[in-house]
């Protein structure tokens, strides 16, 4: 057991100082800083458009100027003529001006804006104009206050979200599926990044020691199986550290960016179900374990460190295919997607998305997790034997010929 911890600590101490791991560790921090910088730039560069309102009816103009803008624009009250508004627009003191013409009970409006000015969302301005038009028409028709209130009363419109399990409808909170989908896609992206990064890292770790002939000394004092599991444990410790850093960055990033990004602001984290967090976390852990364990065995097949990419590339390609399939699973539930969600090396990316969008039940996810866990057990047994047989193999035969001949 002491030798196990010696190998584990050696892997941690060696890699935690390496430029590759430091880059991986700082990646979420750099990404958060970049997104925060974009949010700050957006906040400081986007200004509220300043406009003027011109009308041939003073009473109508006053009502329109006093209408609520909801912060979409500010009105320059001192500009009351088209000439003064045009002069201000030409000298970039305005972003645009609205000209309202009332003639024969008909109201028409033209908004003139400056190309290099702040963009105005005219929706709120149009609504205010239409409201005043309806009020004016109602007054001309002699409608009472009660009739006017009935005229403007909006229709009642509510939405309900449901999911179906075995043909039975189950109520869900509104926007819950959107939140589940976002979380599933974030987890899927993290799974792919961690799988590719740490599969290469563990394979490089094994290959470097083997290429420098240090492995011969290690094997003489530590059993290959102890070495294997010590390296895996050390790599998992490094993964855990990055998960913690990524989670901290994610929490702080969401809190900060939710006030600047409208899409994030609409997500209510209170609607997240504990079940989906547990299931997605299990897929994250098991998926990374599967790829990392197999990559360690593939690292033992190479004779030199420069052969690592050749050995790991098939595994990386499988990870890329499963990652791409997860995006297809968002809008498709074909037979291939269903089968893929139960196949190890693919299920860790596909099943979380299927479960999040409601195309798979909790029972389906549990079955997929069990299959994945069994695959990890078998892969661990196979890879341990592979590592022990090939850790001192320095032959020049091609990697896959060596694998098929001796394993």
Protein backbone atom coordinates (compact mmCIF):
# COMPACT_ATOMS: atom_id res chain seq x y z
CA UNK A 1 0.00 0.00 0.00
CA UNK A 2 2.93 2.35 0.75
CA UNK A 3 4.30 1.78 -2.76
CA UNK A 4 0.85 2.57 -4.19
CA UNK A 5 0.81 5.97 -2.45
CA UNK A 6 4.40 6.65 -3.50
CA UNK A 7 3.45 6.17 -7.18
CA UNK A 8 0.26 8.19 -6.70
CA UNK A 9 2.09 11.14 -5.12
CA UNK A 10 4.82 10.99 -7.75
CA UNK A 11 2.21 11.34 -10.53
CA UNK A 12 0.59 14.28 -8.76
CA UNK A 13 3.86 16.12 -8.02
CA UNK A 14 5.17 15.58 -11.53
CA UNK A 15 2.07 16.67 -13.45
CA UNK A 16 0.81 19.46 -11.22
CA UNK A 17 3.90 21.48 -12.18
CA UNK A 18 3.77 20.64 -15.88
CA UNK A 19 2.77 23.38 -18.37
CA UNK A 20 0.10 21.10 -19.86
CA UNK A 21 -1.72 20.58 -16.57
CA UNK A 22 -1.34 24.23 -15.52
CA UNK A 23 -2.92 25.23 -18.85
CA UNK A 24 -5.80 22.79 -18.26
CA UNK A 25 -6.26 24.06 -14.72
CA UNK A 26 -6.28 27.70 -15.75
CA UNK A 27 -8.50 27.16 -18.79
CA UNK A 28 -11.83 27.78 -16.96
CA UNK A 29 -10.31 30.78 -15.16
CA UNK A 30 -9.14 32.29 -18.46
CA UNK A 31 -12.50 31.56 -20.08
CA UNK A 32 -14.35 33.21 -17.19
CA UNK A 33 -12.07 36.26 -17.35
CA UNK A 34 -12.64 36.51 -21.12
CA UNK A 35 -16.45 36.30 -20.79
CA UNK A 36 -16.42 38.78 -17.91
CA UNK A 37 -14.33 41.15 -20.02
CA UNK A 38 -16.81 40.89 -22.89
CA UNK A 39 -19.68 41.59 -20.50
CA UNK A 40 -17.89 44.67 -19.11
CA UNK A 41 -17.16 45.97 -22.62
CA UNK A 42 -20.77 45.42 -23.64
CA UNK A 43 -22.04 47.20 -20.52
CA UNK A 44 -19.81 50.23 -21.01
CA UNK A 45 -20.19 50.54 -24.78
CA UNK A 46 -23.96 50.08 -25.14
CA UNK A 47 -25.75 53.30 -24.30
CA UNK A 48 -29.46 54.08 -24.20
CA UNK A 49 -30.51 55.67 -27.51
CA UNK A 50 -31.45 59.35 -27.30
CA UNK A 51 -34.30 60.38 -29.58
CA UNK A 52 -36.61 63.27 -30.28
CA UNK A 53 -40.35 63.12 -30.97
CA UNK A 54 -41.88 65.54 -33.45
CA UNK A 55 -45.64 65.76 -34.07
CA UNK A 56 -48.10 68.17 -35.68
CA UNK A 57 -50.36 67.72 -32.65
CA UNK A 58 -48.90 69.11 -29.40
CA UNK A 59 -51.26 67.17 -27.12
CA UNK A 60 -50.49 63.87 -28.84
CA UNK A 61 -46.74 64.61 -28.71
CA UNK A 62 -46.88 65.32 -24.97
CA UNK A 63 -48.72 62.06 -24.32
CA UNK A 64 -46.19 60.11 -26.40
CA UNK A 65 -43.21 61.79 -24.71
CA UNK A 66 -44.64 60.97 -21.28
CA UNK A 67 -45.32 57.32 -22.11
CA UNK A 68 -43.14 54.67 -20.41
CA UNK A 69 -40.00 53.77 -22.31
CA UNK A 70 -38.90 50.97 -19.95
CA UNK A 71 -35.35 52.21 -20.35
CA UNK A 72 -35.29 51.47 -24.11
CA UNK A 73 -34.73 55.15 -24.99
CA UNK A 74 -34.61 58.68 -23.63
CA UNK A 75 -36.48 61.60 -25.19
CA UNK A 76 -35.04 65.08 -25.71
CA UNK A 77 -38.03 67.21 -24.72
CA UNK A 78 -36.51 70.49 -25.91
CA UNK A 79 -36.48 69.46 -29.56
CA UNK A 80 -39.95 70.06 -30.94
CA UNK A 81 -39.37 70.79 -34.63
CA UNK A 82 -38.08 68.69 -37.49
CA UNK A 83 -35.41 71.29 -38.29
CA UNK A 84 -33.94 71.29 -34.77
CA UNK A 85 -34.10 67.46 -34.60
CA UNK A 86 -32.36 67.12 -37.97
CA UNK A 87 -29.64 69.55 -36.84
CA UNK A 88 -29.08 67.58 -33.62
CA UNK A 89 -28.99 64.31 -35.55
CA UNK A 90 -26.43 65.69 -38.00
CA UNK A 91 -24.18 66.77 -35.12
CA UNK A 92 -24.54 63.36 -33.42
CA UNK A 93 -26.43 64.75 -30.44
CA UNK A 94 -29.32 62.40 -31.24
CA UNK A 95 -29.47 58.78 -32.33
CA UNK A 96 -32.73 59.33 -34.19
CA UNK A 97 -36.06 61.13 -34.16
CA UNK A 98 -39.68 60.13 -34.68
CA UNK A 99 -41.99 62.23 -36.85
CA UNK A 100 -45.71 61.70 -36.15
CA UNK A 101 -48.28 63.07 -38.58
CA UNK A 102 -51.98 63.16 -37.69
CA UNK A 103 -54.28 63.88 -40.60
CA UNK A 104 -57.95 63.00 -41.15
CA UNK A 105 -58.02 60.72 -38.08
CA UNK A 106 -55.06 58.80 -39.53
CA UNK A 107 -51.79 58.57 -37.65
CA UNK A 108 -48.53 57.82 -39.46
CA UNK A 109 -45.02 57.79 -38.01
CA UNK A 110 -41.50 57.71 -39.49
CA UNK A 111 -38.38 57.02 -37.44
CA UNK A 112 -35.14 58.39 -38.86
CA UNK A 113 -31.92 57.11 -37.31
CA UNK A 114 -28.18 57.68 -37.64
CA UNK A 115 -26.20 54.69 -38.99
CA UNK A 116 -23.37 55.09 -36.49
CA UNK A 117 -25.71 55.80 -33.58
CA UNK A 118 -27.03 53.54 -30.83
CA UNK A 119 -29.60 51.08 -32.17
CA UNK A 120 -33.16 51.54 -30.96
CA UNK A 121 -35.52 48.63 -30.40
CA UNK A 122 -38.67 50.29 -31.75
CA UNK A 123 -41.06 47.71 -30.25
CA UNK A 124 -41.84 49.71 -27.10
CA UNK A 125 -42.16 52.93 -29.09
CA UNK A 126 -44.58 51.28 -31.51
CA UNK A 127 -46.67 49.92 -28.62
CA UNK A 128 -46.90 53.38 -27.04
CA UNK A 129 -47.94 54.87 -30.39
CA UNK A 130 -50.60 52.19 -30.96
CA UNK A 131 -51.96 52.61 -27.43
CA UNK A 132 -52.41 56.35 -27.91
CA UNK A 133 -54.03 55.70 -31.29
CA UNK A 134 -56.55 53.32 -29.73
CA UNK A 135 -57.28 55.76 -26.90
CA UNK A 136 -57.87 58.53 -29.41
CA UNK A 137 -60.16 56.34 -31.50
CA UNK A 138 -62.08 55.23 -28.39
CA UNK A 139 -62.61 58.86 -27.39
CA UNK A 140 -63.88 59.72 -30.86
CA UNK A 141 -66.33 56.81 -30.68
CA UNK A 142 -67.58 57.99 -27.29
CA UNK A 143 -66.62 54.86 -25.36
CA UNK A 144 -66.94 54.97 -21.58
CA UNK A 145 -64.06 54.33 -19.16
CA UNK A 146 -65.37 50.83 -18.46
CA UNK A 147 -65.70 50.05 -22.15
CA UNK A 148 -62.21 51.39 -22.73
CA UNK A 149 -60.83 49.12 -19.99
CA UNK A 150 -62.59 46.13 -21.57
CA UNK A 151 -61.14 47.09 -24.94
CA UNK A 152 -57.56 47.11 -23.64
CA UNK A 153 -57.88 44.08 -21.34
CA UNK A 154 -55.37 41.47 -22.58
CA UNK A 155 -56.31 37.85 -23.12
CA UNK A 156 -55.23 35.39 -20.42
CA UNK A 157 -52.43 33.16 -21.67
CA UNK A 158 -50.60 30.56 -19.58
CA UNK A 159 -48.21 27.73 -20.46
CA UNK A 160 -47.85 24.31 -18.89
CA UNK A 161 -44.96 21.92 -19.45
CA UNK A 162 -45.40 18.16 -19.23
CA UNK A 163 -43.25 15.11 -19.85
CA UNK A 164 -44.49 11.63 -20.70
CA UNK A 165 -43.19 8.49 -19.03
CA UNK A 166 -44.65 5.21 -20.30
CA UNK A 167 -47.57 7.14 -21.76
CA UNK A 168 -48.39 8.96 -18.49
CA UNK A 169 -48.18 12.74 -18.34
CA UNK A 170 -46.09 14.29 -15.57
CA UNK A 171 -46.26 18.01 -14.91
CA UNK A 172 -43.04 20.00 -15.05
CA UNK A 173 -42.21 23.54 -14.10
CA UNK A 174 -42.09 25.97 -17.01
CA UNK A 175 -38.63 26.37 -18.51
CA UNK A 176 -37.46 23.25 -16.65
CA UNK A 177 -36.55 21.36 -19.82
CA UNK A 178 -34.50 24.32 -21.07
CA UNK A 179 -32.53 24.30 -17.83
CA UNK A 180 -32.07 20.52 -17.97
CA UNK A 181 -30.87 20.74 -21.58
CA UNK A 182 -28.38 23.51 -20.80
CA UNK A 183 -26.95 21.54 -17.87
CA UNK A 184 -26.75 18.35 -19.95
CA UNK A 185 -24.88 20.11 -22.77
CA UNK A 186 -22.46 21.74 -20.32
CA UNK A 187 -21.76 18.35 -18.73
CA UNK A 188 -21.33 16.74 -22.17
CA UNK A 189 -18.82 19.40 -23.23
CA UNK A 190 -16.91 18.98 -19.97
CA UNK A 191 -16.90 15.20 -20.40
CA UNK A 192 -15.36 15.53 -23.86
CA UNK A 193 -12.76 18.09 -22.77
CA UNK A 194 -11.75 16.07 -19.70
CA UNK A 195 -11.73 12.75 -21.60
CA UNK A 196 -9.49 13.99 -24.40
CA UNK A 197 -7.19 16.00 -22.13
CA UNK A 198 -6.61 13.41 -19.42
CA UNK A 199 -6.53 10.43 -21.75
CA UNK A 200 -3.58 12.07 -23.50
CA UNK A 201 -2.05 13.11 -20.18
CA UNK A 202 -2.10 9.64 -18.60
CA UNK A 203 -0.85 8.00 -21.81
CA UNK A 204 1.95 10.56 -22.02
CA UNK A 205 2.81 9.90 -18.36
CA UNK A 206 3.25 6.16 -18.99
CA UNK A 207 5.03 6.57 -22.32
CA UNK A 208 7.52 9.14 -21.01
CA UNK A 209 8.68 6.89 -18.19
CA UNK A 210 8.82 3.92 -20.52
CA UNK A 211 10.83 5.82 -23.15
CA UNK A 212 13.36 7.01 -20.60
CA UNK A 213 13.86 3.43 -19.31
CA UNK A 214 12.84 4.53 -15.81
CA UNK A 215 10.12 1.91 -16.02
CA UNK A 216 12.68 -0.88 -15.76
CA UNK A 217 13.80 0.42 -12.39
CA UNK A 218 10.20 0.91 -11.21
CA UNK A 219 9.11 -2.58 -12.22
CA UNK A 220 12.02 -4.11 -10.29
CA UNK A 221 10.73 -2.55 -7.07
CA UNK A 222 6.98 -2.05 -7.66
CA UNK A 223 4.58 -4.55 -9.22
CA UNK A 224 3.10 -3.36 -12.56
CA UNK A 225 -0.44 -3.64 -11.16
CA UNK A 226 0.46 -1.38 -8.22
CA UNK A 227 2.06 1.08 -10.63
CA UNK A 228 -1.01 1.06 -12.85
CA UNK A 229 -3.52 1.77 -10.10
CA UNK A 230 -1.20 4.30 -8.44
CA UNK A 231 -0.94 6.26 -11.69
CA UNK A 232 -4.71 6.09 -12.22
CA UNK A 233 -5.35 7.29 -8.63
CA UNK A 234 -2.89 10.16 -9.06
CA UNK A 235 -4.52 11.20 -12.32
CA UNK A 236 -7.98 11.09 -10.73
CA UNK A 237 -6.70 13.39 -7.97
CA UNK A 238 -5.59 15.88 -10.63
CA UNK A 239 -8.98 15.58 -12.34
CA UNK A 240 -10.73 16.22 -9.02
CA UNK A 241 -8.71 19.40 -8.52
CA UNK A 242 -9.70 20.70 -11.94
CA UNK A 243 -13.34 19.78 -11.35
CA UNK A 244 -13.29 21.89 -8.16
CA UNK A 245 -11.67 24.84 -9.97
CA UNK A 246 -14.13 24.53 -12.87
CA UNK A 247 -17.12 24.34 -10.49
CA UNK A 248 -16.00 27.45 -8.60
CA UNK A 249 -15.52 29.35 -11.86
CA UNK A 250 -18.92 28.12 -13.06
CA UNK A 251 -20.74 29.33 -9.94
CA UNK A 252 -19.09 32.75 -9.92
CA UNK A 253 -19.42 33.04 -13.69
CA UNK A 254 -23.14 32.28 -13.63
CA UNK A 255 -23.80 34.78 -10.85
CA UNK A 256 -21.91 37.52 -12.68
CA UNK A 257 -22.94 36.80 -16.26
CA UNK A 258 -26.62 36.23 -15.42
CA UNK A 259 -26.96 39.99 -14.87
CA UNK A 260 -25.44 40.71 -18.29
CA UNK A 261 -26.70 37.86 -20.48
CA UNK A 262 -30.46 37.82 -21.03
CA UNK A 263 -30.57 34.05 -21.71
CA UNK A 264 -28.90 33.19 -18.41
CA UNK A 265 -31.06 35.67 -16.56
CA UNK A 266 -34.16 33.68 -17.57
CA UNK A 267 -32.82 30.42 -16.11
CA UNK A 268 -34.18 29.67 -12.66
CA UNK A 269 -31.74 27.33 -10.90
CA UNK A 270 -34.42 26.60 -8.33
CA UNK A 271 -36.15 24.44 -10.96
CA UNK A 272 -33.21 22.03 -11.22
CA UNK A 273 -34.17 18.56 -10.06
CA UNK A 274 -31.72 16.72 -7.78
CA UNK A 275 -32.22 13.55 -9.83
CA UNK A 276 -30.78 15.02 -13.01
CA UNK A 277 -27.76 16.42 -11.11
CA UNK A 278 -27.00 12.98 -9.65
CA UNK A 279 -27.41 11.15 -12.96
CA UNK A 280 -25.35 13.64 -14.97
CA UNK A 281 -22.63 13.60 -12.31
CA UNK A 282 -22.44 9.80 -12.46
CA UNK A 283 -22.13 9.85 -16.25
CA UNK A 284 -19.41 12.49 -15.94
CA UNK A 285 -17.41 10.41 -13.43
CA UNK A 286 -17.84 7.04 -15.13
CA UNK A 287 -17.21 8.41 -18.63
CA UNK A 288 -13.90 9.99 -17.64
CA UNK A 289 -12.90 6.86 -15.70
CA UNK A 290 -13.51 4.63 -18.73
CA UNK A 291 -11.42 6.71 -21.12
CA UNK A 292 -8.62 7.43 -18.63
CA UNK A 293 -8.18 3.77 -17.64
CA UNK A 294 -8.06 2.59 -21.26
CA UNK A 295 -5.67 5.40 -22.23
CA UNK A 296 -3.23 4.29 -19.51
CA UNK A 297 -3.11 0.83 -21.07
CA UNK A 298 -2.64 2.27 -24.56
CA UNK A 299 0.27 4.32 -23.22
CA UNK A 300 2.02 1.07 -22.24
CA UNK A 301 1.88 -0.13 -25.86
CA UNK A 302 4.17 2.58 -27.20
CA UNK A 303 7.95 2.46 -27.11
CA UNK A 304 8.52 6.22 -27.28
CA UNK A 305 6.64 9.31 -26.12
CA UNK A 306 6.21 10.53 -29.70
CA UNK A 307 3.96 7.54 -30.43
CA UNK A 308 1.33 8.54 -27.86
CA UNK A 309 -0.87 10.45 -30.29
CA UNK A 310 -0.91 7.45 -32.63
CA UNK A 311 -2.00 5.13 -29.82
CA UNK A 312 -4.62 7.44 -28.34
CA UNK A 313 -6.07 8.81 -31.61
CA UNK A 314 -8.69 6.01 -32.05
CA UNK A 315 -9.92 6.66 -28.51
CA UNK A 316 -10.01 10.40 -29.16
CA UNK A 317 -11.95 9.83 -32.38
CA UNK A 318 -14.56 7.72 -30.54
CA UNK A 319 -14.90 10.53 -27.98
CA UNK A 320 -15.39 13.07 -30.77
CA UNK A 321 -18.07 10.95 -32.45
CA UNK A 322 -19.96 10.51 -29.17
CA UNK A 323 -19.68 14.26 -28.53
CA UNK A 324 -21.14 15.05 -31.97
CA UNK A 325 -23.89 12.48 -31.43
CA UNK A 326 -24.94 14.29 -28.24
CA UNK A 327 -25.93 17.33 -30.31
CA UNK A 328 -27.94 15.14 -32.67
CA UNK A 329 -29.69 13.62 -29.63
CA UNK A 330 -31.03 17.06 -28.69
CA UNK A 331 -33.44 17.06 -31.66
CA UNK A 332 -33.56 13.42 -32.64
CA UNK A 333 -34.48 10.14 -30.98
CA UNK A 334 -33.73 7.68 -33.76
CA UNK A 335 -32.91 4.02 -33.27
CA UNK A 336 -29.17 4.68 -33.58
CA UNK A 337 -29.33 7.38 -30.90
CA UNK A 338 -31.29 5.05 -28.60
CA UNK A 339 -28.81 2.21 -29.09
CA UNK A 340 -25.83 4.55 -28.70
CA UNK A 341 -27.12 5.77 -25.35
CA UNK A 342 -26.52 2.26 -23.93
CA UNK A 343 -23.17 1.54 -25.62
CA UNK A 344 -20.07 2.23 -23.49
CA UNK A 345 -17.75 4.94 -24.87
CA UNK A 346 -20.86 6.62 -26.37
CA UNK A 347 -23.46 6.48 -23.60
CA UNK A 348 -21.67 9.02 -21.35
CA UNK A 349 -22.39 11.72 -23.96
CA UNK A 350 -25.70 10.63 -25.49
CA UNK A 351 -27.77 9.41 -22.53
CA UNK A 352 -27.43 12.64 -20.46
CA UNK A 353 -28.91 14.63 -23.35
CA UNK A 354 -31.69 12.10 -24.00
CA UNK A 355 -32.56 12.12 -20.31
CA UNK A 356 -32.50 15.92 -20.11
CA UNK A 357 -34.84 16.47 -23.08
CA UNK A 358 -37.27 13.82 -21.84
CA UNK A 359 -36.54 11.10 -24.42
CA UNK A 360 -35.27 8.69 -21.76
CA UNK A 361 -36.62 7.78 -18.33
CA UNK A 362 -34.74 7.52 -15.06
CA UNK A 363 -34.86 3.73 -15.43
CA UNK A 364 -33.23 4.00 -18.87
CA UNK A 365 -30.47 6.18 -17.43
CA UNK A 366 -29.85 3.73 -14.57
CA UNK A 367 -29.58 0.80 -17.01
CA UNK A 368 -27.10 2.79 -19.09
CA UNK A 369 -25.06 3.60 -15.97
CA UNK A 370 -24.98 -0.07 -14.95
CA UNK A 371 -23.75 -1.09 -18.42
CA UNK A 372 -21.12 1.67 -18.25
CA UNK A 373 -19.97 0.51 -14.80
CA UNK A 374 -19.65 -3.08 -16.03
CA UNK A 375 -17.65 -1.83 -19.03
CA UNK A 376 -15.30 0.01 -16.65
CA UNK A 377 -14.76 -3.17 -14.61
CA UNK A 378 -13.98 -5.20 -17.74
CA UNK A 379 -11.78 -2.45 -19.17
CA UNK A 380 -9.87 -2.21 -15.90
CA UNK A 381 -9.21 -5.97 -15.91
CA UNK A 382 -8.15 -5.93 -19.57
CA UNK A 383 -6.00 -2.80 -19.24
CA UNK A 384 -4.26 -4.01 -16.09
CA UNK A 385 -3.14 -7.18 -17.89
CA UNK A 386 -2.23 -5.14 -20.97
CA UNK A 387 -0.12 -2.78 -18.86
CA UNK A 388 1.68 -5.61 -17.08
CA UNK A 389 2.52 -7.41 -20.36
CA UNK A 390 3.67 -4.42 -22.38
CA UNK A 391 5.16 -2.01 -19.85
CA UNK A 392 8.65 -3.36 -20.64
CA UNK A 393 7.98 -4.07 -24.32
CA UNK A 394 10.30 -1.97 -26.49
CA UNK A 395 9.73 -3.75 -29.81
CA UNK A 396 9.37 -1.81 -33.05
CA UNK A 397 6.22 -3.56 -34.19
CA UNK A 398 3.18 -1.43 -34.90
CA UNK A 399 1.07 -0.67 -31.85
CA UNK A 400 -2.05 -2.55 -32.90
CA UNK A 401 -0.09 -5.59 -34.15
CA UNK A 402 1.61 -5.70 -30.77
CA UNK A 403 -1.77 -5.50 -29.05
CA UNK A 404 -3.35 -8.29 -31.07
CA UNK A 405 -0.34 -10.57 -30.85
CA UNK A 406 0.38 -10.42 -27.12
CA UNK A 407 -2.78 -9.44 -25.32
